[in-house]
PDB file of all heavy atoms in Angstrom:
ATOM      1  N   ALA A   1     -18.716  10.584  25.460  1.00  0.00           N
ATOM      2  CA  ALA A   1     -18.441   9.181  25.181  1.00  0.00           C
ATOM      3  C   ALA A   1     -17.545   8.543  26.209  1.00  0.00           C
ATOM      4  O   ALA A   1     -16.830   7.627  25.913  1.00  0.00           O
ATOM      5  CB  ALA A   1     -17.790   9.054  23.788  1.00  0.00           C
ATOM      6  N   GLY A   2     -17.590   8.970  27.434  1.00  0.00           N
ATOM      7  CA  GLY A   2     -16.616   8.530  28.422  1.00  0.00           C
ATOM      8  C   GLY A   2     -16.855   7.159  28.996  1.00  0.00           C
ATOM      9  O   GLY A   2     -16.260   6.812  30.004  1.00  0.00           O
ATOM     10  N   THR A   3     -17.734   6.323  28.418  1.00  0.00           N
ATOM     11  CA  THR A   3     -18.075   5.068  29.057  1.00  0.00           C
ATOM     12  C   THR A   3     -17.758   3.851  28.194  1.00  0.00           C
ATOM     13  O   THR A   3     -18.338   2.793  28.375  1.00  0.00           O
ATOM     14  CB  THR A   3     -19.571   5.052  29.408  1.00  0.00           C
ATOM     15  OG1 THR A   3     -20.328   5.256  28.215  1.00  0.00           O
ATOM     16  CG2 THR A   3     -19.899   6.155  30.406  1.00  0.00           C
ATOM     17  N   ALA A   4     -16.857   3.983  27.202  1.00  0.00           N
ATOM     18  CA  ALA A   4     -16.512   2.843  26.363  1.00  0.00           C
ATOM     19  C   ALA A   4     -15.893   1.744  27.206  1.00  0.00           C
ATOM     20  O   ALA A   4     -15.084   2.015  28.094  1.00  0.00           O
ATOM     21  CB  ALA A   4     -15.536   3.274  25.266  1.00  0.00           C
ATOM     22  N   PRO A   5     -16.222   0.481  26.984  1.00  0.00           N
ATOM     23  CA  PRO A   5     -15.650  -0.595  27.779  1.00  0.00           C
ATOM     24  C   PRO A   5     -14.151  -0.723  27.534  1.00  0.00           C
ATOM     25  O   PRO A   5     -13.695  -0.686  26.403  1.00  0.00           O
ATOM     26  CB  PRO A   5     -16.402  -1.845  27.283  1.00  0.00           C
ATOM     27  CG  PRO A   5     -16.875  -1.480  25.907  1.00  0.00           C
ATOM     28  CD  PRO A   5     -17.161  -0.022  25.955  1.00  0.00           C
ATOM     29  N   VAL A   6     -13.400  -0.850  28.599  1.00  0.00           N
ATOM     30  CA  VAL A   6     -11.946  -0.919  28.525  1.00  0.00           C
ATOM     31  C   VAL A   6     -11.491  -2.226  29.143  1.00  0.00           C
ATOM     32  O   VAL A   6     -11.945  -2.595  30.229  1.00  0.00           O
ATOM     33  CB  VAL A   6     -11.316   0.271  29.286  1.00  0.00           C
ATOM     34  CG1 VAL A   6      -9.801   0.181  29.239  1.00  0.00           C
ATOM     35  CG2 VAL A   6     -11.799   1.583  28.713  1.00  0.00           C
ATOM     36  N   PRO A   7     -10.603  -2.970  28.478  1.00  0.00           N
ATOM     37  CA  PRO A   7     -10.096  -4.194  29.084  1.00  0.00           C
ATOM     38  C   PRO A   7      -9.462  -3.908  30.437  1.00  0.00           C
ATOM     39  O   PRO A   7      -8.704  -2.953  30.590  1.00  0.00           O
ATOM     40  CB  PRO A   7      -9.041  -4.675  28.059  1.00  0.00           C
ATOM     41  CG  PRO A   7      -9.433  -4.017  26.775  1.00  0.00           C
ATOM     42  CD  PRO A   7     -10.040  -2.716  27.143  1.00  0.00           C
ATOM     43  N   ALA A   8      -9.789  -4.713  31.428  1.00  0.00           N
ATOM     44  CA  ALA A   8      -9.298  -4.472  32.785  1.00  0.00           C
ATOM     45  C   ALA A   8      -7.794  -4.688  32.842  1.00  0.00           C
ATOM     46  O   ALA A   8      -7.298  -5.725  32.402  1.00  0.00           O
ATOM     47  CB  ALA A   8      -9.993  -5.405  33.763  1.00  0.00           C
ATOM     48  N   PRO A   9      -7.024  -3.750  33.367  1.00  0.00           N
ATOM     49  CA  PRO A   9      -5.580  -3.939  33.514  1.00  0.00           C
ATOM     50  C   PRO A   9      -5.275  -4.889  34.649  1.00  0.00           C
ATOM     51  O   PRO A   9      -6.134  -5.171  35.504  1.00  0.00           O
ATOM     52  CB  PRO A   9      -5.085  -2.525  33.828  1.00  0.00           C
ATOM     53  CG  PRO A   9      -6.246  -1.869  34.501  1.00  0.00           C
ATOM     54  CD  PRO A   9      -7.464  -2.440  33.847  1.00  0.00           C
ATOM     55  N   ALA A  10      -4.038  -5.363  34.659  1.00  0.00           N
ATOM     56  CA  ALA A  10      -3.619  -6.245  35.737  1.00  0.00           C
ATOM     57  C   ALA A  10      -3.521  -5.470  37.043  1.00  0.00           C
ATOM     58  O   ALA A  10      -3.022  -4.355  37.075  1.00  0.00           O
ATOM     59  CB  ALA A  10      -2.260  -6.861  35.389  1.00  0.00           C
ATOM     60  N   GLY A  11      -3.994  -6.087  38.131  1.00  0.00           N
ATOM     61  CA  GLY A  11      -3.887  -5.450  39.445  1.00  0.00           C
ATOM     62  C   GLY A  11      -5.124  -4.645  39.790  1.00  0.00           C
ATOM     63  O   GLY A  11      -6.026  -4.466  38.976  1.00  0.00           O
ATOM     64  N   PRO A  12      -5.206  -4.154  41.029  1.00  0.00           N
ATOM     65  CA  PRO A  12      -6.368  -3.388  41.480  1.00  0.00           C
ATOM     66  C   PRO A  12      -6.556  -2.120  40.653  1.00  0.00           C
ATOM     67  O   PRO A  12      -5.602  -1.499  40.206  1.00  0.00           O
ATOM     68  CB  PRO A  12      -6.020  -3.045  42.939  1.00  0.00           C
ATOM     69  CG  PRO A  12      -4.952  -4.011  43.332  1.00  0.00           C
ATOM     70  CD  PRO A  12      -4.203  -4.323  42.090  1.00  0.00           C
ATOM     71  N   ARG A  13      -7.817  -1.734  40.468  1.00  0.00           N
ATOM     72  CA  ARG A  13      -8.141  -0.552  39.679  1.00  0.00           C
ATOM     73  C   ARG A  13      -7.818   0.722  40.451  1.00  0.00           C
ATOM     74  O   ARG A  13      -8.009   0.800  41.669  1.00  0.00           O
ATOM     75  CB  ARG A  13      -9.614  -0.574  39.304  1.00  0.00           C
ATOM     76  CG  ARG A  13     -10.030   0.621  38.458  1.00  0.00           C
ATOM     77  CD  ARG A  13     -11.529   0.647  38.228  1.00  0.00           C
ATOM     78  NE  ARG A  13     -11.894   1.880  37.535  1.00  0.00           N
ATOM     79  CZ  ARG A  13     -13.144   2.292  37.360  1.00  0.00           C
ATOM     80  NH1 ARG A  13     -14.142   1.565  37.834  1.00  0.00           N
ATOM     81  NH2 ARG A  13     -13.392   3.417  36.729  1.00  0.00           N
ATOM     82  N   VAL A  14      -7.324   1.724  39.744  1.00  0.00           N
ATOM     83  CA  VAL A  14      -7.039   3.029  40.324  1.00  0.00           C
ATOM     84  C   VAL A  14      -8.260   3.924  40.154  1.00  0.00           C
ATOM     85  O   VAL A  14      -8.834   3.999  39.058  1.00  0.00           O
ATOM     86  CB  VAL A  14      -5.819   3.693  39.647  1.00  0.00           C
ATOM     87  CG1 VAL A  14      -5.601   5.098  40.198  1.00  0.00           C
ATOM     88  CG2 VAL A  14      -4.581   2.846  39.841  1.00  0.00           C
ATOM     89  N   ARG A  15      -8.670   4.593  41.211  1.00  0.00           N
ATOM     90  CA  ARG A  15      -9.715   5.608  41.155  1.00  0.00           C
ATOM     91  C   ARG A  15      -9.049   6.975  41.183  1.00  0.00           C
ATOM     92  O   ARG A  15      -8.238   7.252  42.073  1.00  0.00           O
ATOM     93  CB  ARG A  15     -10.712   5.435  42.287  1.00  0.00           C
ATOM     94  CG  ARG A  15     -11.464   4.107  42.219  1.00  0.00           C
ATOM     95  CD  ARG A  15     -12.555   4.013  43.265  1.00  0.00           C
ATOM     96  NE  ARG A  15     -13.262   2.739  43.158  1.00  0.00           N
ATOM     97  CZ  ARG A  15     -14.271   2.504  42.332  1.00  0.00           C
ATOM     98  NH1 ARG A  15     -14.690   3.476  41.528  1.00  0.00           N
ATOM     99  NH2 ARG A  15     -14.861   1.326  42.290  1.00  0.00           N
ATOM    100  N   ILE A  16      -9.404   7.807  40.238  1.00  0.00           N
ATOM    101  CA  ILE A  16      -8.629   9.023  39.978  1.00  0.00           C
ATOM    102  C   ILE A  16      -8.729  10.032  41.111  1.00  0.00           C
ATOM    103  O   ILE A  16      -7.711  10.565  41.574  1.00  0.00           O
ATOM    104  CB  ILE A  16      -9.067   9.645  38.640  1.00  0.00           C
ATOM    105  CG1 ILE A  16      -8.783   8.670  37.496  1.00  0.00           C
ATOM    106  CG2 ILE A  16      -8.353  10.971  38.406  1.00  0.00           C
ATOM    107  CD1 ILE A  16      -9.346   9.112  36.155  1.00  0.00           C
ATOM    108  N   LEU A  17      -9.930  10.317  41.590  1.00  0.00           N
ATOM    109  CA  LEU A  17     -10.072  11.335  42.634  1.00  0.00           C
ATOM    110  C   LEU A  17      -9.398  10.922  43.941  1.00  0.00           C
ATOM    111  O   LEU A  17      -8.664  11.724  44.536  1.00  0.00           O
ATOM    112  CB  LEU A  17     -11.556  11.653  42.856  1.00  0.00           C
ATOM    113  CG  LEU A  17     -11.858  13.013  43.490  1.00  0.00           C
ATOM    114  CD1 LEU A  17     -11.335  14.148  42.601  1.00  0.00           C
ATOM    115  CD2 LEU A  17     -13.359  13.175  43.712  1.00  0.00           C
ATOM    116  N   PRO A  18      -9.584   9.685  44.432  1.00  0.00           N
ATOM    117  CA  PRO A  18      -8.832   9.274  45.622  1.00  0.00           C
ATOM    118  C   PRO A  18      -7.313   9.304  45.421  1.00  0.00           C
ATOM    119  O   PRO A  18      -6.568   9.570  46.362  1.00  0.00           O
ATOM    120  CB  PRO A  18      -9.333   7.852  45.882  1.00  0.00           C
ATOM    121  CG  PRO A  18     -10.703   7.825  45.299  1.00  0.00           C
ATOM    122  CD  PRO A  18     -10.608   8.688  44.068  1.00  0.00           C
ATOM    123  N   ALA A  19      -6.868   9.052  44.182  1.00  0.00           N
ATOM    124  CA  ALA A  19      -5.433   9.138  43.912  1.00  0.00           C
ATOM    125  C   ALA A  19      -4.931  10.563  44.129  1.00  0.00           C
ATOM    126  O   ALA A  19      -3.864  10.793  44.707  1.00  0.00           O
ATOM    127  CB  ALA A  19      -5.133   8.680  42.485  1.00  0.00           C
ATOM    128  N   GLY A  20      -5.716  11.556  43.666  1.00  0.00           N
ATOM    129  CA  GLY A  20      -5.342  12.947  43.902  1.00  0.00           C
ATOM    130  C   GLY A  20      -5.337  13.303  45.372  1.00  0.00           C
ATOM    131  O   GLY A  20      -4.455  14.028  45.851  1.00  0.00           O
ATOM    132  N   LEU A  21      -6.319  12.793  46.111  1.00  0.00           N
ATOM    133  CA  LEU A  21      -6.366  13.050  47.553  1.00  0.00           C
ATOM    134  C   LEU A  21      -5.155  12.462  48.256  1.00  0.00           C
ATOM    135  O   LEU A  21      -4.529  13.115  49.108  1.00  0.00           O
ATOM    136  CB  LEU A  21      -7.657  12.468  48.128  1.00  0.00           C
ATOM    137  CG  LEU A  21      -7.827  12.561  49.649  1.00  0.00           C
ATOM    138  CD1 LEU A  21      -7.856  14.016  50.098  1.00  0.00           C
ATOM    139  CD2 LEU A  21      -9.096  11.833  50.086  1.00  0.00           C
ATOM    140  N   LEU A  22      -4.798  11.228  47.912  1.00  0.00           N
ATOM    141  CA  LEU A  22      -3.638  10.586  48.524  1.00  0.00           C
ATOM    142  C   LEU A  22      -2.361  11.358  48.228  1.00  0.00           C
ATOM    143  O   LEU A  22      -1.526  11.590  49.116  1.00  0.00           O
ATOM    144  CB  LEU A  22      -3.533   9.144  48.016  1.00  0.00           C
ATOM    145  CG  LEU A  22      -2.392   8.297  48.592  1.00  0.00           C
ATOM    146  CD1 LEU A  22      -2.538   8.145  50.098  1.00  0.00           C
ATOM    147  CD2 LEU A  22      -2.367   6.926  47.910  1.00  0.00           C
ATOM    148  N   MET A  23      -2.209  11.764  46.975  1.00  0.00           N
ATOM    149  CA  MET A  23      -1.049  12.562  46.598  1.00  0.00           C
ATOM    150  C   MET A  23      -1.009  13.866  47.382  1.00  0.00           C
ATOM    151  O   MET A  23       0.032  14.285  47.897  1.00  0.00           O
ATOM    152  CB  MET A  23      -1.091  12.864  45.104  1.00  0.00           C
ATOM    153  CG  MET A  23      -0.020  13.813  44.606  1.00  0.00           C
ATOM    154  SD  MET A  23       1.549  12.990  44.484  1.00  0.00           S
ATOM    155  CE  MET A  23       1.194  11.932  43.087  1.00  0.00           C
ATOM    156  N   GLY A  24      -2.151  14.531  47.492  1.00  0.00           N
ATOM    157  CA  GLY A  24      -2.202  15.810  48.186  1.00  0.00           C
ATOM    158  C   GLY A  24      -1.850  15.698  49.650  1.00  0.00           C
ATOM    159  O   GLY A  24      -1.147  16.561  50.206  1.00  0.00           O
ATOM    160  N   LEU A  25      -2.321  14.660  50.309  1.00  0.00           N
ATOM    161  CA  LEU A  25      -1.997  14.478  51.728  1.00  0.00           C
ATOM    162  C   LEU A  25      -0.494  14.275  51.916  1.00  0.00           C
ATOM    163  O   LEU A  25       0.102  14.803  52.866  1.00  0.00           O
ATOM    164  CB  LEU A  25      -2.770  13.286  52.287  1.00  0.00           C
ATOM    165  CG  LEU A  25      -4.293  13.492  52.429  1.00  0.00           C
ATOM    166  CD1 LEU A  25      -4.965  12.180  52.822  1.00  0.00           C
ATOM    167  CD2 LEU A  25      -4.582  14.574  53.464  1.00  0.00           C
ATOM    168  N   GLY A  26       0.122  13.525  51.013  1.00  0.00           N
ATOM    169  CA  GLY A  26       1.566  13.326  51.120  1.00  0.00           C
ATOM    170  C   GLY A  26       2.345  14.614  50.940  1.00  0.00           C
ATOM    171  O   GLY A  26       3.288  14.903  51.694  1.00  0.00           O
TER     172      GLY A  26
END
């Protein structure tokens, strides 16, 4: 059920996998 519509939060959307990559590089 991972596709339920979610109200968009304020600001640009975070993508989870690129976030992990960015963290890892740092």
